[in-house]
């Protein structure tokens, strides 16, 4: 099973089959990949976004692009010390012709304010910038989500205006040394 890791975290991209299992029985999916069962608490608005992404993006896109599924899926953020999933992170698709992709993330409400989002974002950005096709990574967040803005800024993203959805947009450009 493919994964990337940092000091405290393991990031595991879910294949189409694992997404299907997650959709029907999250605990079974976690057991299938050798994790302890999580009891994640997710705010209702984020849960609605996750449900929409599952049905309208992750499942159809991982089926359509099995060889590039990691650009179209949710990556489990696993706390190595407990072997429990504490959130998710992922991209909004394969980089476009300009080498641009977007990243999003969510951390269990009980695990927030421990630096896990910052560490997970750093880890996945470093991995993405090792891919030749990636030149720019975009992050978007509501203007009232100061914690997410701080996470992006700590990872070298810079404010880049407002999106069409009236979200604050942040951008990180691959450095020539990567």
N, C-alpha and C. Protein backbone atom coordinates (compact mmCIF):
# COMPACT_ATOMS: atom_id res chain seq x y z
N UNK A 1 0.85 -1.18 0.00
CA UNK A 1 0.00 0.00 0.00
C UNK A 1 0.90 1.24 0.00
N UNK A 2 0.60 2.17 -0.91
CA UNK A 2 1.36 3.41 -1.02
C UNK A 2 0.97 4.38 0.09
N UNK A 3 1.96 5.03 0.68
CA UNK A 3 1.71 6.09 1.66
C UNK A 3 2.96 6.96 1.73
N UNK A 4 2.78 8.15 2.31
CA UNK A 4 3.91 9.02 2.61
C UNK A 4 3.82 9.33 4.09
N UNK A 5 4.94 9.74 4.69
CA UNK A 5 4.87 9.99 6.12
C UNK A 5 5.79 11.12 6.55
N UNK A 6 5.45 11.64 7.71
CA UNK A 6 6.23 12.67 8.38
C UNK A 6 6.61 12.11 9.75
N UNK A 7 7.09 12.97 10.61
CA UNK A 7 7.50 12.51 11.95
C UNK A 7 6.34 11.86 12.71
N UNK A 8 5.17 12.53 12.71
CA UNK A 8 4.04 12.03 13.51
C UNK A 8 2.92 11.41 12.70
N UNK A 9 2.92 11.62 11.39
CA UNK A 9 1.77 11.26 10.57
C UNK A 9 2.12 10.33 9.42
N UNK A 10 1.12 9.56 9.03
CA UNK A 10 1.18 8.76 7.81
C UNK A 10 0.00 9.20 6.96
N UNK A 11 0.23 9.48 5.68
CA UNK A 11 -0.83 9.88 4.76
C UNK A 11 -1.03 8.76 3.76
N UNK A 12 -2.27 8.25 3.72
CA UNK A 12 -2.60 7.08 2.89
C UNK A 12 -3.68 7.47 1.89
N UNK A 13 -3.35 7.49 0.57
CA UNK A 13 -4.38 7.79 -0.42
C UNK A 13 -5.29 6.57 -0.63
N UNK A 14 -6.58 6.80 -0.61
CA UNK A 14 -7.53 5.69 -0.74
C UNK A 14 -7.79 5.38 -2.21
N UNK A 15 -7.66 4.11 -2.56
CA UNK A 15 -8.01 3.65 -3.91
C UNK A 15 -9.52 3.71 -4.08
N UNK A 16 -9.97 3.50 -5.30
CA UNK A 16 -11.41 3.50 -5.56
C UNK A 16 -12.12 2.48 -4.67
N UNK A 17 -11.54 1.29 -4.56
CA UNK A 17 -12.16 0.23 -3.76
C UNK A 17 -12.23 0.61 -2.28
N UNK A 18 -11.18 1.22 -1.78
CA UNK A 18 -11.19 1.65 -0.38
C UNK A 18 -12.18 2.78 -0.15
N UNK A 19 -12.32 3.69 -1.13
CA UNK A 19 -13.34 4.74 -1.02
C UNK A 19 -14.74 4.13 -0.97
N UNK A 20 -15.00 3.14 -1.82
CA UNK A 20 -16.31 2.48 -1.80
C UNK A 20 -16.58 1.88 -0.43
N UNK A 21 -15.58 1.21 0.13
CA UNK A 21 -15.74 0.61 1.45
C UNK A 21 -15.94 1.69 2.51
N UNK A 22 -15.19 2.77 2.40
CA UNK A 22 -15.33 3.89 3.34
C UNK A 22 -16.74 4.47 3.29
N UNK A 23 -17.28 4.59 2.10
CA UNK A 23 -18.62 5.15 1.93
C UNK A 23 -19.69 4.29 2.61
N UNK A 24 -19.52 2.97 2.52
CA UNK A 24 -20.52 2.07 3.10
C UNK A 24 -20.23 1.71 4.55
N UNK A 25 -18.93 1.66 4.93
CA UNK A 25 -18.58 1.22 6.28
C UNK A 25 -17.17 1.70 6.61
N UNK A 26 -17.08 2.91 7.13
CA UNK A 26 -15.77 3.51 7.42
C UNK A 26 -14.92 2.62 8.33
N UNK A 27 -15.51 2.06 9.37
CA UNK A 27 -14.75 1.21 10.30
C UNK A 27 -14.14 0.02 9.56
N UNK A 28 -14.89 -0.58 8.64
CA UNK A 28 -14.37 -1.72 7.87
C UNK A 28 -13.20 -1.28 6.99
N UNK A 29 -13.30 -0.08 6.41
CA UNK A 29 -12.19 0.43 5.59
C UNK A 29 -10.95 0.62 6.45
N UNK A 30 -11.14 1.22 7.63
CA UNK A 30 -10.00 1.44 8.52
C UNK A 30 -9.35 0.12 8.90
N UNK A 31 -10.16 -0.88 9.23
CA UNK A 31 -9.63 -2.21 9.57
C UNK A 31 -8.91 -2.82 8.37
N UNK A 32 -9.46 -2.62 7.18
CA UNK A 32 -8.88 -3.19 5.97
C UNK A 32 -7.46 -2.68 5.73
N UNK A 33 -7.19 -1.43 6.09
CA UNK A 33 -5.84 -0.89 5.88
C UNK A 33 -5.00 -0.93 7.16
N UNK A 34 -5.49 -1.68 8.15
CA UNK A 34 -4.70 -1.94 9.35
C UNK A 34 -4.71 -0.86 10.41
N UNK A 35 -5.74 0.01 10.36
CA UNK A 35 -5.83 1.08 11.35
C UNK A 35 -6.71 0.67 12.52
N UNK A 36 -6.51 1.32 13.65
CA UNK A 36 -7.46 1.22 14.74
C UNK A 36 -8.67 2.07 14.36
N UNK A 37 -9.83 1.71 14.86
CA UNK A 37 -11.07 2.40 14.50
C UNK A 37 -11.08 3.81 15.08
N UNK A 38 -11.41 4.77 14.23
CA UNK A 38 -11.47 6.17 14.67
C UNK A 38 -12.88 6.52 15.15
N UNK A 39 -12.93 7.57 15.91
CA UNK A 39 -14.22 8.13 16.34
C UNK A 39 -14.22 9.61 15.98
N UNK A 40 -13.89 9.88 14.72
CA UNK A 40 -13.73 11.25 14.27
C UNK A 40 -14.98 12.08 14.47
N UNK A 41 -14.78 13.31 14.92
CA UNK A 41 -15.87 14.27 15.03
C UNK A 41 -15.64 15.35 13.99
N UNK A 42 -16.64 15.50 13.11
CA UNK A 42 -16.54 16.44 12.00
C UNK A 42 -17.74 17.37 12.05
N UNK A 43 -17.48 18.66 11.93
CA UNK A 43 -18.57 19.64 11.92
C UNK A 43 -19.52 19.34 10.77
N UNK A 44 -20.82 19.58 10.95
CA UNK A 44 -21.81 19.24 9.92
C UNK A 44 -21.52 19.85 8.54
N UNK A 45 -21.04 21.09 8.49
CA UNK A 45 -20.76 21.70 7.18
C UNK A 45 -19.60 21.00 6.48
N UNK A 46 -18.57 20.60 7.24
CA UNK A 46 -17.47 19.85 6.63
C UNK A 46 -17.92 18.44 6.24
N UNK A 47 -18.78 17.82 7.05
CA UNK A 47 -19.28 16.49 6.70
C UNK A 47 -20.07 16.54 5.40
N UNK A 48 -20.85 17.60 5.20
CA UNK A 48 -21.59 17.75 3.95
C UNK A 48 -20.64 17.88 2.77
N UNK A 49 -19.53 18.61 2.95
CA UNK A 49 -18.53 18.73 1.88
C UNK A 49 -17.88 17.38 1.59
N UNK A 50 -17.59 16.62 2.64
CA UNK A 50 -16.98 15.30 2.47
C UNK A 50 -17.94 14.37 1.73
N UNK A 51 -19.21 14.36 2.12
CA UNK A 51 -20.20 13.51 1.47
C UNK A 51 -20.35 13.88 -0.01
N UNK A 52 -20.38 15.18 -0.31
CA UNK A 52 -20.48 15.63 -1.69
C UNK A 52 -19.25 15.22 -2.48
N UNK A 53 -18.06 15.40 -1.90
CA UNK A 53 -16.82 15.01 -2.58
C UNK A 53 -16.80 13.51 -2.84
N UNK A 54 -17.25 12.72 -1.88
CA UNK A 54 -17.26 11.27 -2.04
C UNK A 54 -18.08 10.86 -3.26
N UNK A 55 -19.31 11.36 -3.32
CA UNK A 55 -20.24 10.93 -4.38
C UNK A 55 -19.97 11.59 -5.73
N UNK A 56 -19.55 12.84 -5.72
CA UNK A 56 -19.46 13.60 -6.97
C UNK A 56 -18.05 13.84 -7.48
N UNK A 57 -17.05 13.44 -6.70
CA UNK A 57 -15.67 13.62 -7.16
C UNK A 57 -14.82 12.37 -6.92
N UNK A 58 -14.59 12.02 -5.65
CA UNK A 58 -13.66 10.94 -5.36
C UNK A 58 -14.04 9.62 -6.03
N UNK A 59 -15.26 9.16 -5.82
CA UNK A 59 -15.65 7.87 -6.41
C UNK A 59 -15.62 7.88 -7.94
N UNK A 60 -16.27 8.85 -8.60
CA UNK A 60 -16.22 8.81 -10.07
C UNK A 60 -14.82 9.06 -10.64
N UNK A 61 -14.06 9.96 -10.04
CA UNK A 61 -12.75 10.30 -10.60
C UNK A 61 -11.71 9.20 -10.37
N UNK A 62 -11.75 8.52 -9.22
CA UNK A 62 -10.79 7.43 -9.01
C UNK A 62 -11.12 6.25 -9.91
N UNK A 63 -12.39 6.07 -10.24
CA UNK A 63 -12.78 5.03 -11.20
C UNK A 63 -12.29 5.39 -12.60
N UNK A 64 -12.41 6.65 -12.94
CA UNK A 64 -12.02 7.14 -14.27
C UNK A 64 -10.49 7.20 -14.43
N UNK A 65 -9.77 7.43 -13.35
CA UNK A 65 -8.31 7.60 -13.41
C UNK A 65 -7.60 6.69 -12.41
N UNK A 66 -7.71 5.36 -12.57
CA UNK A 66 -7.11 4.47 -11.56
C UNK A 66 -5.59 4.60 -11.46
N UNK A 67 -4.93 4.98 -12.54
CA UNK A 67 -3.47 5.11 -12.53
C UNK A 67 -2.99 6.41 -11.88
N UNK A 68 -3.91 7.37 -11.69
CA UNK A 68 -3.58 8.64 -11.05
C UNK A 68 -4.54 8.93 -9.89
N UNK A 69 -5.02 7.87 -9.25
CA UNK A 69 -6.06 8.01 -8.23
C UNK A 69 -5.65 8.97 -7.11
N UNK A 70 -4.36 9.04 -6.78
CA UNK A 70 -3.92 9.86 -5.64
C UNK A 70 -4.18 11.35 -5.85
N UNK A 71 -4.44 11.78 -7.11
CA UNK A 71 -4.80 13.18 -7.38
C UNK A 71 -6.29 13.43 -7.18
N UNK A 72 -7.07 12.36 -7.07
CA UNK A 72 -8.54 12.46 -7.08
C UNK A 72 -9.20 11.86 -5.85
N UNK A 73 -8.45 11.58 -4.83
CA UNK A 73 -8.98 10.85 -3.68
C UNK A 73 -8.74 11.59 -2.37
N UNK A 74 -9.30 11.03 -1.33
CA UNK A 74 -9.02 11.49 0.02
C UNK A 74 -7.84 10.67 0.55
N UNK A 75 -6.90 11.35 1.14
CA UNK A 75 -5.78 10.69 1.81
C UNK A 75 -6.09 10.69 3.31
N UNK A 76 -6.08 9.55 3.93
CA UNK A 76 -6.27 9.46 5.37
C UNK A 76 -5.06 10.06 6.07
N UNK A 77 -5.29 10.90 7.06
CA UNK A 77 -4.22 11.42 7.91
C UNK A 77 -4.22 10.56 9.17
N UNK A 78 -3.18 9.77 9.34
CA UNK A 78 -3.11 8.80 10.42
C UNK A 78 -2.06 9.24 11.44
N UNK A 79 -2.46 9.32 12.69
CA UNK A 79 -1.54 9.63 13.78
C UNK A 79 -0.76 8.34 14.08
N UNK A 80 0.52 8.35 13.84
CA UNK A 80 1.31 7.13 13.97
C UNK A 80 1.33 6.58 15.39
N UNK A 81 1.32 7.45 16.40
CA UNK A 81 1.42 6.99 17.79
C UNK A 81 0.21 6.15 18.22
N UNK A 82 -0.95 6.38 17.61
CA UNK A 82 -2.16 5.62 17.98
C UNK A 82 -2.68 4.76 16.83
N UNK A 83 -2.12 4.96 15.62
CA UNK A 83 -2.56 4.25 14.41
C UNK A 83 -4.06 4.49 14.15
N UNK A 84 -4.47 5.76 14.34
CA UNK A 84 -5.87 6.15 14.16
C UNK A 84 -5.93 7.30 13.16
N UNK A 85 -6.93 7.25 12.28
CA UNK A 85 -7.15 8.34 11.34
C UNK A 85 -7.69 9.56 12.09
N UNK A 86 -7.06 10.72 11.83
CA UNK A 86 -7.47 11.95 12.50
C UNK A 86 -7.92 13.02 11.51
N UNK A 87 -8.09 12.63 10.25
CA UNK A 87 -8.53 13.61 9.26
C UNK A 87 -8.27 13.14 7.85
N UNK A 88 -8.45 14.09 6.94
CA UNK A 88 -8.23 13.79 5.53
C UNK A 88 -7.62 14.99 4.82
N UNK A 89 -6.93 14.69 3.74
CA UNK A 89 -6.29 15.71 2.92
C UNK A 89 -6.30 15.20 1.48
N UNK A 90 -6.26 16.09 0.53
CA UNK A 90 -6.21 15.61 -0.85
C UNK A 90 -6.22 16.75 -1.84
N UNK A 91 -6.11 16.36 -3.10
CA UNK A 91 -6.06 17.31 -4.20
C UNK A 91 -7.39 17.34 -4.94
N UNK A 92 -7.59 18.41 -5.70
CA UNK A 92 -8.81 18.56 -6.50
C UNK A 92 -8.57 18.14 -7.94
N UNK A 93 -7.64 17.22 -8.13
CA UNK A 93 -7.41 16.67 -9.45
C UNK A 93 -5.97 16.80 -9.91
N UNK A 94 -5.71 16.11 -11.01
CA UNK A 94 -4.39 16.12 -11.64
C UNK A 94 -4.05 17.55 -12.05
N UNK A 95 -2.80 17.95 -11.95
CA UNK A 95 -2.44 19.32 -12.31
C UNK A 95 -2.86 19.68 -13.75
N UNK A 96 -3.33 20.91 -13.92
CA UNK A 96 -3.77 21.36 -15.24
C UNK A 96 -2.56 21.68 -16.12
N UNK A 97 -2.80 22.24 -17.30
CA UNK A 97 -1.72 22.53 -18.25
C UNK A 97 -0.71 23.55 -17.72
N UNK A 98 -1.09 24.32 -16.71
CA UNK A 98 -0.17 25.26 -16.07
C UNK A 98 0.56 24.64 -14.87
N UNK A 99 0.30 23.35 -14.62
CA UNK A 99 0.93 22.68 -13.50
C UNK A 99 0.30 23.00 -12.16
N UNK A 100 -0.96 23.42 -12.18
CA UNK A 100 -1.66 23.88 -10.98
C UNK A 100 -2.66 22.83 -10.50
N UNK A 101 -2.67 22.60 -9.20
CA UNK A 101 -3.69 21.78 -8.55
C UNK A 101 -4.08 22.46 -7.25
N UNK A 102 -5.14 21.97 -6.65
CA UNK A 102 -5.64 22.55 -5.41
C UNK A 102 -5.62 21.50 -4.32
N UNK A 103 -5.39 21.93 -3.08
CA UNK A 103 -5.35 21.03 -1.94
C UNK A 103 -6.42 21.44 -0.93
N UNK A 104 -6.94 20.46 -0.22
CA UNK A 104 -7.90 20.70 0.86
C UNK A 104 -7.62 19.71 1.99
N UNK A 105 -8.06 20.05 3.19
CA UNK A 105 -7.79 19.20 4.35
C UNK A 105 -8.82 19.43 5.44
N UNK A 106 -8.91 18.46 6.35
CA UNK A 106 -9.84 18.52 7.47
C UNK A 106 -9.25 17.67 8.60
N UNK A 107 -9.31 18.20 9.80
CA UNK A 107 -8.81 17.47 10.98
C UNK A 107 -9.96 17.26 11.96
N UNK A 108 -10.02 16.07 12.53
CA UNK A 108 -10.98 15.72 13.58
C UNK A 108 -11.03 16.86 14.61
N UNK A 109 -12.23 17.26 14.96
CA UNK A 109 -12.39 18.38 15.91
C UNK A 109 -11.65 18.13 17.23
N UNK A 110 -11.54 16.88 17.64
CA UNK A 110 -10.87 16.56 18.90
C UNK A 110 -9.34 16.59 18.78
N UNK A 111 -8.84 16.66 17.55
CA UNK A 111 -7.39 16.63 17.32
C UNK A 111 -6.84 17.97 16.82
N UNK A 112 -7.69 18.96 16.73
CA UNK A 112 -7.26 20.25 16.22
C UNK A 112 -6.35 20.97 17.23
N UNK A 113 -5.61 21.92 16.73
CA UNK A 113 -4.69 22.75 17.51
C UNK A 113 -3.48 21.98 18.05
N UNK A 114 -3.11 20.94 17.32
CA UNK A 114 -1.91 20.16 17.65
C UNK A 114 -0.87 20.22 16.55
N UNK A 115 -1.13 21.03 15.52
CA UNK A 115 -0.19 21.14 14.42
C UNK A 115 -0.30 20.04 13.37
N UNK A 116 -1.32 19.20 13.48
CA UNK A 116 -1.44 18.08 12.54
C UNK A 116 -1.77 18.55 11.12
N UNK A 117 -2.63 19.53 10.97
CA UNK A 117 -2.96 20.03 9.63
C UNK A 117 -1.72 20.63 8.99
N UNK A 118 -0.95 21.40 9.75
CA UNK A 118 0.27 22.00 9.23
C UNK A 118 1.25 20.92 8.77
N UNK A 119 1.42 19.90 9.59
CA UNK A 119 2.35 18.81 9.27
C UNK A 119 1.86 17.99 8.07
N UNK A 120 0.56 17.70 8.02
CA UNK A 120 0.02 16.95 6.89
C UNK A 120 0.15 17.74 5.60
N UNK A 121 -0.16 19.04 5.66
CA UNK A 121 -0.05 19.87 4.47
C UNK A 121 1.40 19.96 4.01
N UNK A 122 2.32 20.14 4.92
CA UNK A 122 3.74 20.18 4.56
C UNK A 122 4.15 18.89 3.86
N UNK A 123 3.72 17.77 4.39
CA UNK A 123 4.10 16.46 3.86
C UNK A 123 3.55 16.25 2.45
N UNK A 124 2.28 16.57 2.25
CA UNK A 124 1.69 16.33 0.93
C UNK A 124 2.19 17.34 -0.10
N UNK A 125 2.46 18.58 0.32
CA UNK A 125 3.02 19.58 -0.59
C UNK A 125 4.42 19.16 -1.04
N UNK A 126 5.24 18.70 -0.09
CA UNK A 126 6.58 18.23 -0.45
C UNK A 126 6.50 17.08 -1.45
N UNK A 127 5.59 16.14 -1.22
CA UNK A 127 5.40 15.02 -2.15
C UNK A 127 4.96 15.54 -3.52
N UNK A 128 3.97 16.43 -3.54
CA UNK A 128 3.44 16.95 -4.82
C UNK A 128 4.52 17.67 -5.61
N UNK A 129 5.33 18.47 -4.95
CA UNK A 129 6.37 19.21 -5.65
C UNK A 129 7.50 18.32 -6.14
N UNK A 130 7.55 17.09 -5.70
CA UNK A 130 8.51 16.12 -6.26
C UNK A 130 8.01 15.58 -7.60
N UNK A 131 6.73 15.79 -7.91
CA UNK A 131 6.16 15.34 -9.18
C UNK A 131 6.43 16.43 -10.23
N UNK A 132 6.99 16.04 -11.36
CA UNK A 132 7.38 17.00 -12.40
C UNK A 132 6.23 17.88 -12.86
N UNK A 133 5.03 17.34 -12.91
CA UNK A 133 3.89 18.06 -13.47
C UNK A 133 3.33 19.16 -12.56
N UNK A 134 3.75 19.19 -11.29
CA UNK A 134 3.21 20.17 -10.33
C UNK A 134 4.12 21.40 -10.26
N UNK A 135 3.52 22.57 -10.50
CA UNK A 135 4.24 23.85 -10.41
C UNK A 135 3.63 24.77 -9.35
N UNK A 136 2.30 24.67 -9.16
CA UNK A 136 1.57 25.57 -8.26
C UNK A 136 0.53 24.77 -7.49
N UNK A 137 0.42 25.05 -6.21
CA UNK A 137 -0.64 24.43 -5.40
C UNK A 137 -1.47 25.57 -4.80
N UNK A 138 -2.78 25.44 -4.94
CA UNK A 138 -3.74 26.43 -4.45
C UNK A 138 -4.43 25.88 -3.21
N UNK A 139 -4.67 26.74 -2.25
CA UNK A 139 -5.49 26.42 -1.08
C UNK A 139 -6.54 27.50 -0.93
N UNK A 140 -7.75 27.11 -0.60
CA UNK A 140 -8.83 28.08 -0.40
C UNK A 140 -9.48 27.82 0.96
N UNK A 141 -9.92 28.90 1.60
CA UNK A 141 -10.54 28.76 2.91
C UNK A 141 -11.49 29.92 3.15
N UNK A 142 -12.53 29.70 3.92
CA UNK A 142 -13.41 30.82 4.28
C UNK A 142 -12.65 31.91 5.02
N UNK A 143 -13.09 33.14 4.88
CA UNK A 143 -12.40 34.27 5.52
C UNK A 143 -12.43 34.19 7.04
N UNK A 144 -13.39 33.46 7.61
CA UNK A 144 -13.47 33.35 9.06
C UNK A 144 -12.70 32.15 9.62
N UNK A 145 -12.07 31.35 8.75
CA UNK A 145 -11.31 30.19 9.20
C UNK A 145 -9.84 30.58 9.38
N UNK A 146 -9.57 31.24 10.49
CA UNK A 146 -8.22 31.76 10.75
C UNK A 146 -7.20 30.64 10.94
N UNK A 147 -7.62 29.51 11.50
CA UNK A 147 -6.71 28.40 11.71
C UNK A 147 -6.23 27.83 10.37
N UNK A 148 -7.13 27.70 9.42
CA UNK A 148 -6.75 27.20 8.10
C UNK A 148 -5.84 28.19 7.38
N UNK A 149 -6.13 29.48 7.53
CA UNK A 149 -5.27 30.49 6.92
C UNK A 149 -3.86 30.39 7.51
N UNK A 150 -3.77 30.22 8.82
CA UNK A 150 -2.46 30.09 9.47
C UNK A 150 -1.73 28.85 8.98
N UNK A 151 -2.45 27.75 8.79
CA UNK A 151 -1.85 26.52 8.29
C UNK A 151 -1.24 26.75 6.91
N UNK A 152 -1.97 27.41 6.05
CA UNK A 152 -1.46 27.70 4.70
C UNK A 152 -0.23 28.61 4.77
N UNK A 153 -0.31 29.66 5.56
CA UNK A 153 0.81 30.60 5.66
C UNK A 153 2.06 29.93 6.23
N UNK A 154 1.90 29.07 7.23
CA UNK A 154 3.04 28.35 7.82
C UNK A 154 3.71 27.45 6.80
N UNK A 155 2.97 27.06 5.77
CA UNK A 155 3.51 26.17 4.73
C UNK A 155 3.95 26.92 3.48
N UNK A 156 4.16 28.21 3.62
CA UNK A 156 4.73 28.96 2.51
C UNK A 156 3.75 29.41 1.45
N UNK A 157 2.45 29.28 1.72
CA UNK A 157 1.45 29.79 0.80
C UNK A 157 1.32 31.29 1.02
N UNK A 158 1.00 32.02 -0.04
CA UNK A 158 0.79 33.46 0.08
C UNK A 158 -0.63 33.79 -0.37
N UNK A 159 -1.19 34.81 0.25
CA UNK A 159 -2.55 35.24 -0.12
C UNK A 159 -2.56 35.62 -1.59
N UNK A 160 -3.63 35.20 -2.29
CA UNK A 160 -3.71 35.40 -3.73
C UNK A 160 -5.11 35.86 -4.14
N UNK A 161 -5.78 36.61 -3.27
CA UNK A 161 -7.09 37.14 -3.62
C UNK A 161 -8.23 36.29 -3.13
N UNK A 162 -9.34 36.40 -3.85
CA UNK A 162 -10.58 35.73 -3.48
C UNK A 162 -11.05 34.89 -4.67
N UNK A 163 -11.60 33.72 -4.40
CA UNK A 163 -12.09 32.84 -5.46
C UNK A 163 -13.50 33.25 -5.87
N UNK A 164 -13.99 32.62 -6.93
CA UNK A 164 -15.36 32.87 -7.39
C UNK A 164 -16.38 32.48 -6.32
N UNK A 165 -16.02 31.54 -5.46
CA UNK A 165 -16.91 31.09 -4.38
C UNK A 165 -16.79 31.99 -3.15
N UNK A 166 -16.09 33.10 -3.27
CA UNK A 166 -15.88 34.07 -2.20
C UNK A 166 -15.07 33.49 -1.05
N UNK A 167 -14.17 32.57 -1.38
CA UNK A 167 -13.23 32.03 -0.41
C UNK A 167 -11.90 32.75 -0.58
N UNK A 168 -11.13 32.84 0.49
CA UNK A 168 -9.79 33.40 0.37
C UNK A 168 -8.92 32.37 -0.34
N UNK A 169 -8.13 32.84 -1.27
CA UNK A 169 -7.29 31.97 -2.09
C UNK A 169 -5.83 32.19 -1.71
N UNK A 170 -5.11 31.09 -1.55
CA UNK A 170 -3.69 31.12 -1.23
C UNK A 170 -2.96 30.29 -2.28
N UNK A 171 -1.71 30.64 -2.55
CA UNK A 171 -0.97 29.96 -3.60
C UNK A 171 0.46 29.69 -3.12
N UNK A 172 0.97 28.54 -3.50
CA UNK A 172 2.39 28.25 -3.29
C UNK A 172 2.96 27.78 -4.62
N UNK A 173 4.06 28.41 -4.99
CA UNK A 173 4.73 28.10 -6.26
C UNK A 173 5.95 27.24 -5.95
N UNK A 174 6.15 26.21 -6.75
CA UNK A 174 7.30 25.32 -6.59
C UNK A 174 8.58 26.14 -6.75
N UNK A 175 9.49 25.96 -5.83
CA UNK A 175 10.78 26.66 -5.95
C UNK A 175 11.66 25.91 -6.92
N UNK A 176 12.59 26.60 -7.52
CA UNK A 176 13.47 25.99 -8.50
C UNK A 176 14.40 24.95 -7.88
N UNK A 177 14.59 25.01 -6.57
CA UNK A 177 15.48 24.05 -5.91
C UNK A 177 14.82 22.70 -5.67
N UNK A 178 13.48 22.62 -5.86
CA UNK A 178 12.80 21.33 -5.62
C UNK A 178 12.87 20.44 -6.84
